[in-house]
N, C-alpha and C. Protein backbone atom coordinates (compact mmCIF):
# COMPACT_ATOMS: atom_id res chain seq x y z
N UNK A 1 110.18 1.69 82.43
CA UNK A 1 109.36 0.84 83.26
C UNK A 1 109.13 1.54 84.59
N UNK A 2 107.89 1.76 84.92
CA UNK A 2 107.55 2.47 86.15
C UNK A 2 107.41 1.47 87.31
N UNK A 3 108.01 1.82 88.43
CA UNK A 3 107.96 0.96 89.61
C UNK A 3 107.53 1.80 90.82
N UNK A 4 106.47 1.35 91.47
CA UNK A 4 106.01 1.99 92.71
C UNK A 4 106.81 1.39 93.86
N UNK A 5 107.69 2.18 94.46
CA UNK A 5 108.59 1.68 95.50
C UNK A 5 108.04 1.87 96.91
N UNK A 6 106.77 2.26 97.02
CA UNK A 6 106.18 2.48 98.34
C UNK A 6 105.46 1.24 98.87
N UNK A 7 105.40 0.18 98.09
CA UNK A 7 104.63 -1.00 98.50
C UNK A 7 105.28 -1.74 99.66
N UNK A 8 104.45 -2.22 100.55
CA UNK A 8 104.88 -3.00 101.70
C UNK A 8 105.16 -4.44 101.25
N UNK A 9 106.25 -5.01 101.76
CA UNK A 9 106.60 -6.39 101.46
C UNK A 9 105.96 -7.31 102.48
N UNK A 10 105.53 -8.50 102.03
CA UNK A 10 104.82 -9.44 102.90
C UNK A 10 105.50 -10.81 102.91
N UNK A 11 105.36 -11.50 104.02
CA UNK A 11 105.83 -12.87 104.14
C UNK A 11 104.81 -13.78 103.47
N UNK A 12 105.14 -15.06 103.35
CA UNK A 12 104.23 -16.00 102.67
C UNK A 12 102.90 -16.14 103.39
N UNK A 13 102.84 -15.83 104.67
CA UNK A 13 101.57 -15.91 105.41
C UNK A 13 100.73 -14.64 105.27
N UNK A 14 101.24 -13.67 104.51
CA UNK A 14 100.50 -12.44 104.28
C UNK A 14 100.81 -11.32 105.26
N UNK A 15 101.57 -11.62 106.30
CA UNK A 15 101.90 -10.58 107.27
C UNK A 15 103.00 -9.68 106.71
N UNK A 16 102.93 -8.40 107.08
CA UNK A 16 103.91 -7.44 106.61
C UNK A 16 105.28 -7.77 107.20
N UNK A 17 106.31 -7.76 106.34
CA UNK A 17 107.68 -7.88 106.83
C UNK A 17 108.03 -6.57 107.53
N UNK A 18 108.90 -6.64 108.51
CA UNK A 18 109.19 -5.47 109.34
C UNK A 18 110.64 -5.01 109.19
N UNK A 19 110.81 -3.71 109.33
CA UNK A 19 112.11 -3.06 109.43
C UNK A 19 112.09 -2.35 110.77
N UNK A 20 112.48 -3.08 111.81
CA UNK A 20 112.28 -2.59 113.17
C UNK A 20 110.79 -2.65 113.47
N UNK A 21 110.22 -1.54 113.89
CA UNK A 21 108.79 -1.49 114.19
C UNK A 21 107.94 -1.13 112.97
N UNK A 22 108.60 -0.70 111.90
CA UNK A 22 107.88 -0.24 110.71
C UNK A 22 107.76 -1.34 109.66
N UNK A 23 106.72 -1.24 108.84
CA UNK A 23 106.59 -2.17 107.71
C UNK A 23 107.75 -1.94 106.75
N UNK A 24 108.26 -3.04 106.22
CA UNK A 24 109.36 -2.98 105.25
C UNK A 24 108.78 -2.66 103.88
N UNK A 25 109.28 -1.59 103.27
CA UNK A 25 108.80 -1.22 101.95
C UNK A 25 109.88 -1.47 100.90
N UNK A 26 109.43 -1.56 99.67
CA UNK A 26 110.31 -1.85 98.54
C UNK A 26 111.46 -0.85 98.44
N UNK A 27 111.18 0.43 98.66
CA UNK A 27 112.22 1.47 98.57
C UNK A 27 113.41 1.13 99.47
N UNK A 28 113.14 0.75 100.71
CA UNK A 28 114.21 0.44 101.66
C UNK A 28 115.09 -0.68 101.16
N UNK A 29 114.47 -1.74 100.65
CA UNK A 29 115.21 -2.90 100.16
C UNK A 29 116.10 -2.51 98.98
N UNK A 30 115.54 -1.78 98.02
CA UNK A 30 116.30 -1.41 96.83
C UNK A 30 117.46 -0.49 97.17
N UNK A 31 117.21 0.52 97.99
CA UNK A 31 118.27 1.47 98.34
C UNK A 31 119.39 0.77 99.11
N UNK A 32 119.04 -0.07 100.06
CA UNK A 32 120.08 -0.77 100.83
C UNK A 32 120.88 -1.73 99.95
N UNK A 33 120.22 -2.41 99.02
CA UNK A 33 120.94 -3.32 98.11
C UNK A 33 121.89 -2.54 97.21
N UNK A 34 121.46 -1.39 96.73
CA UNK A 34 122.31 -0.58 95.86
C UNK A 34 123.49 0.03 96.60
N UNK A 35 123.34 0.28 97.89
CA UNK A 35 124.40 0.92 98.66
C UNK A 35 125.34 -0.07 99.35
N UNK A 36 125.01 -1.33 99.33
CA UNK A 36 125.81 -2.33 100.04
C UNK A 36 127.15 -2.59 99.34
N UNK A 37 128.09 -3.07 100.12
CA UNK A 37 129.37 -3.54 99.60
C UNK A 37 129.35 -5.06 99.64
N UNK A 38 129.70 -5.69 98.53
CA UNK A 38 129.63 -7.14 98.41
C UNK A 38 131.04 -7.72 98.35
N UNK A 39 131.30 -8.79 99.12
CA UNK A 39 132.65 -9.35 99.19
C UNK A 39 133.22 -9.79 97.84
N UNK A 40 132.36 -10.23 96.94
CA UNK A 40 132.84 -10.71 95.64
C UNK A 40 132.98 -9.58 94.61
N UNK A 41 132.83 -8.33 95.04
CA UNK A 41 132.90 -7.19 94.13
C UNK A 41 133.99 -6.20 94.53
N UNK A 42 135.12 -6.69 94.90
CA UNK A 42 136.19 -5.80 95.34
C UNK A 42 136.66 -4.86 94.23
N UNK A 43 136.50 -5.28 92.98
CA UNK A 43 136.98 -4.47 91.87
C UNK A 43 135.92 -3.63 91.20
N UNK A 44 134.83 -3.36 91.87
CA UNK A 44 133.78 -2.53 91.27
C UNK A 44 134.35 -1.14 91.01
N UNK A 45 134.12 -0.65 89.80
CA UNK A 45 134.71 0.62 89.39
C UNK A 45 134.04 1.82 90.08
N UNK A 46 134.75 2.90 90.07
CA UNK A 46 134.24 4.17 90.57
C UNK A 46 132.96 4.53 89.84
N UNK A 47 132.99 4.39 88.51
CA UNK A 47 131.84 4.73 87.68
C UNK A 47 130.61 3.90 88.06
N UNK A 48 130.80 2.61 88.33
CA UNK A 48 129.68 1.73 88.72
C UNK A 48 129.15 2.13 90.09
N UNK A 49 130.04 2.47 91.01
CA UNK A 49 129.59 2.91 92.34
C UNK A 49 128.77 4.20 92.25
N UNK A 50 129.20 5.12 91.40
CA UNK A 50 128.45 6.36 91.21
C UNK A 50 127.09 6.04 90.59
N UNK A 51 127.05 5.13 89.62
CA UNK A 51 125.77 4.71 89.01
C UNK A 51 124.82 4.19 90.08
N UNK A 52 125.32 3.32 90.96
CA UNK A 52 124.48 2.76 92.02
C UNK A 52 124.01 3.84 92.99
N UNK A 53 124.91 4.76 93.32
CA UNK A 53 124.55 5.86 94.22
C UNK A 53 123.44 6.71 93.60
N UNK A 54 123.60 7.06 92.34
CA UNK A 54 122.60 7.89 91.66
C UNK A 54 121.26 7.19 91.57
N UNK A 55 121.26 5.89 91.29
CA UNK A 55 120.02 5.13 91.23
C UNK A 55 119.38 5.05 92.61
N UNK A 56 120.17 4.79 93.64
CA UNK A 56 119.64 4.75 95.01
C UNK A 56 119.05 6.10 95.41
N UNK A 57 119.71 7.18 95.05
CA UNK A 57 119.21 8.52 95.35
C UNK A 57 117.89 8.79 94.66
N UNK A 58 117.78 8.39 93.41
CA UNK A 58 116.53 8.57 92.68
C UNK A 58 115.39 7.78 93.32
N UNK A 59 115.66 6.52 93.67
CA UNK A 59 114.65 5.67 94.29
C UNK A 59 114.24 6.23 95.66
N UNK A 60 115.21 6.71 96.43
CA UNK A 60 114.92 7.24 97.76
C UNK A 60 114.03 8.47 97.69
N UNK A 61 114.20 9.27 96.64
CA UNK A 61 113.50 10.54 96.57
C UNK A 61 112.14 10.52 95.91
N UNK A 62 111.69 9.36 95.43
CA UNK A 62 110.43 9.31 94.70
C UNK A 62 109.57 8.14 95.18
N UNK A 63 108.27 8.24 94.93
CA UNK A 63 107.36 7.14 95.22
C UNK A 63 107.25 6.18 94.03
N UNK A 64 107.36 6.73 92.83
CA UNK A 64 107.32 5.94 91.60
C UNK A 64 108.55 6.33 90.79
N UNK A 65 109.32 5.34 90.38
CA UNK A 65 110.54 5.61 89.61
C UNK A 65 110.44 4.95 88.24
N UNK A 66 111.14 5.53 87.30
CA UNK A 66 111.24 5.01 85.94
C UNK A 66 112.59 4.29 85.85
N UNK A 67 112.55 2.97 85.57
CA UNK A 67 113.77 2.18 85.49
C UNK A 67 113.92 1.59 84.09
N UNK A 68 115.15 1.66 83.56
CA UNK A 68 115.40 1.00 82.29
C UNK A 68 115.78 -0.46 82.57
N UNK A 69 115.92 -1.23 81.50
CA UNK A 69 116.18 -2.66 81.65
C UNK A 69 117.48 -2.94 82.40
N UNK A 70 118.51 -2.15 82.16
CA UNK A 70 119.79 -2.40 82.85
C UNK A 70 119.66 -2.11 84.35
N UNK A 71 118.87 -1.12 84.73
CA UNK A 71 118.66 -0.82 86.16
C UNK A 71 117.89 -1.95 86.82
N UNK A 72 116.87 -2.48 86.12
CA UNK A 72 116.11 -3.60 86.68
C UNK A 72 117.01 -4.82 86.86
N UNK A 73 117.84 -5.11 85.88
CA UNK A 73 118.76 -6.26 86.00
C UNK A 73 119.73 -6.07 87.17
N UNK A 74 120.26 -4.87 87.32
CA UNK A 74 121.16 -4.58 88.43
C UNK A 74 120.45 -4.77 89.76
N UNK A 75 119.25 -4.25 89.87
CA UNK A 75 118.46 -4.38 91.10
C UNK A 75 118.19 -5.85 91.39
N UNK A 76 117.80 -6.62 90.38
CA UNK A 76 117.54 -8.04 90.59
C UNK A 76 118.78 -8.75 91.14
N UNK A 77 119.93 -8.46 90.56
CA UNK A 77 121.17 -9.13 90.98
C UNK A 77 121.55 -8.73 92.41
N UNK A 78 121.50 -7.44 92.70
CA UNK A 78 121.93 -6.98 94.02
C UNK A 78 120.95 -7.36 95.12
N UNK A 79 119.66 -7.28 94.85
CA UNK A 79 118.68 -7.72 95.85
C UNK A 79 118.86 -9.21 96.11
N UNK A 80 119.10 -9.99 95.06
CA UNK A 80 119.33 -11.43 95.22
C UNK A 80 120.55 -11.72 96.08
N UNK A 81 121.59 -10.89 95.96
CA UNK A 81 122.80 -11.08 96.75
C UNK A 81 122.64 -10.61 98.19
N UNK A 82 121.81 -9.59 98.41
CA UNK A 82 121.77 -8.92 99.71
C UNK A 82 120.68 -9.41 100.65
N UNK A 83 119.60 -9.96 100.12
CA UNK A 83 118.42 -10.19 100.95
C UNK A 83 117.99 -11.66 100.96
N UNK A 84 117.19 -12.00 101.96
CA UNK A 84 116.67 -13.35 102.15
C UNK A 84 115.54 -13.65 101.16
N UNK A 85 115.22 -14.92 101.06
CA UNK A 85 114.25 -15.42 100.09
C UNK A 85 112.90 -14.70 100.12
N UNK A 86 112.27 -14.48 101.27
CA UNK A 86 110.95 -13.81 101.24
C UNK A 86 111.01 -12.42 100.62
N UNK A 87 112.07 -11.70 100.87
CA UNK A 87 112.21 -10.35 100.34
C UNK A 87 112.48 -10.40 98.84
N UNK A 88 113.35 -11.30 98.41
CA UNK A 88 113.63 -11.46 96.98
C UNK A 88 112.35 -11.83 96.24
N UNK A 89 111.57 -12.73 96.81
CA UNK A 89 110.32 -13.14 96.19
C UNK A 89 109.34 -11.99 96.03
N UNK A 90 109.23 -11.16 97.05
CA UNK A 90 108.33 -10.01 96.98
C UNK A 90 108.81 -8.98 95.95
N UNK A 91 110.10 -8.71 95.92
CA UNK A 91 110.64 -7.77 94.94
C UNK A 91 110.39 -8.30 93.53
N UNK A 92 110.63 -9.57 93.32
CA UNK A 92 110.39 -10.17 92.01
C UNK A 92 108.92 -10.06 91.61
N UNK A 93 108.04 -10.34 92.54
CA UNK A 93 106.60 -10.25 92.27
C UNK A 93 106.21 -8.82 91.89
N UNK A 94 106.69 -7.84 92.64
CA UNK A 94 106.33 -6.45 92.36
C UNK A 94 106.92 -5.97 91.04
N UNK A 95 108.15 -6.36 90.74
CA UNK A 95 108.74 -5.97 89.45
C UNK A 95 107.92 -6.55 88.30
N UNK A 96 107.50 -7.79 88.43
CA UNK A 96 106.68 -8.40 87.37
C UNK A 96 105.32 -7.73 87.26
N UNK A 97 104.72 -7.37 88.38
CA UNK A 97 103.43 -6.68 88.35
C UNK A 97 103.55 -5.34 87.64
N UNK A 98 104.72 -4.71 87.75
CA UNK A 98 104.92 -3.42 87.10
C UNK A 98 105.39 -3.56 85.66
N UNK A 99 105.39 -4.78 85.14
CA UNK A 99 105.77 -5.01 83.75
C UNK A 99 107.25 -5.13 83.52
N UNK A 100 108.00 -5.46 84.56
CA UNK A 100 109.45 -5.59 84.47
C UNK A 100 109.88 -7.04 84.55
N UNK A 101 109.21 -7.90 83.82
CA UNK A 101 109.51 -9.34 83.85
C UNK A 101 110.71 -9.61 82.95
N UNK A 102 111.90 -9.40 83.51
CA UNK A 102 113.14 -9.60 82.78
C UNK A 102 113.79 -10.85 83.32
N UNK A 103 114.00 -11.83 82.50
CA UNK A 103 114.66 -13.06 82.94
C UNK A 103 116.12 -12.76 83.18
N UNK A 104 116.59 -13.17 84.38
CA UNK A 104 117.99 -12.91 84.72
C UNK A 104 118.92 -13.89 84.04
């Protein structure tokens, strides 16, 4: 499943969400969610952390990434845990537009 991670995220009023002075793009949200530490995940394995690091590195280095179903599910879960409603909604919309409509 191909995902264009360069798209700008928007609020419900259509204005671009911001990351400081810059427009917030999908890549930033995904990479930060994959790199975050979550309080309810104290027992995350070394192997899982490496998986997340590798996925974040791939997303950071490309404009369009190829994601399998397990990567999309992981991204959906972590973005849902890490980010506010407007950002989660935009990520969900973009994933569905790219043909990644996977029910969580």
